[in-house]
Amino acid sequence: MKEATKDRAEILGEYILDTGATVRAAAKVFKISKSTVHTAVTIQNGLCGW
């Protein structure tokens, strides 16, 4: 995984945990799509069972 992608995944995950934000709210704050947020916090942070 590219370092920038890993950093983004960690930043998004921490933001959601710290603020209790939804995927939609996090996407709006970071100006990215909901799909990108979902992918980052599940697959790239290792939370998906695949």
Foldseek 3Di string as FASTA:
>chain_A
DDPVLLVVLVVLQVVCVVPVDDLVVSCVVVVHDSVSNVCSPCVSVPNDPD
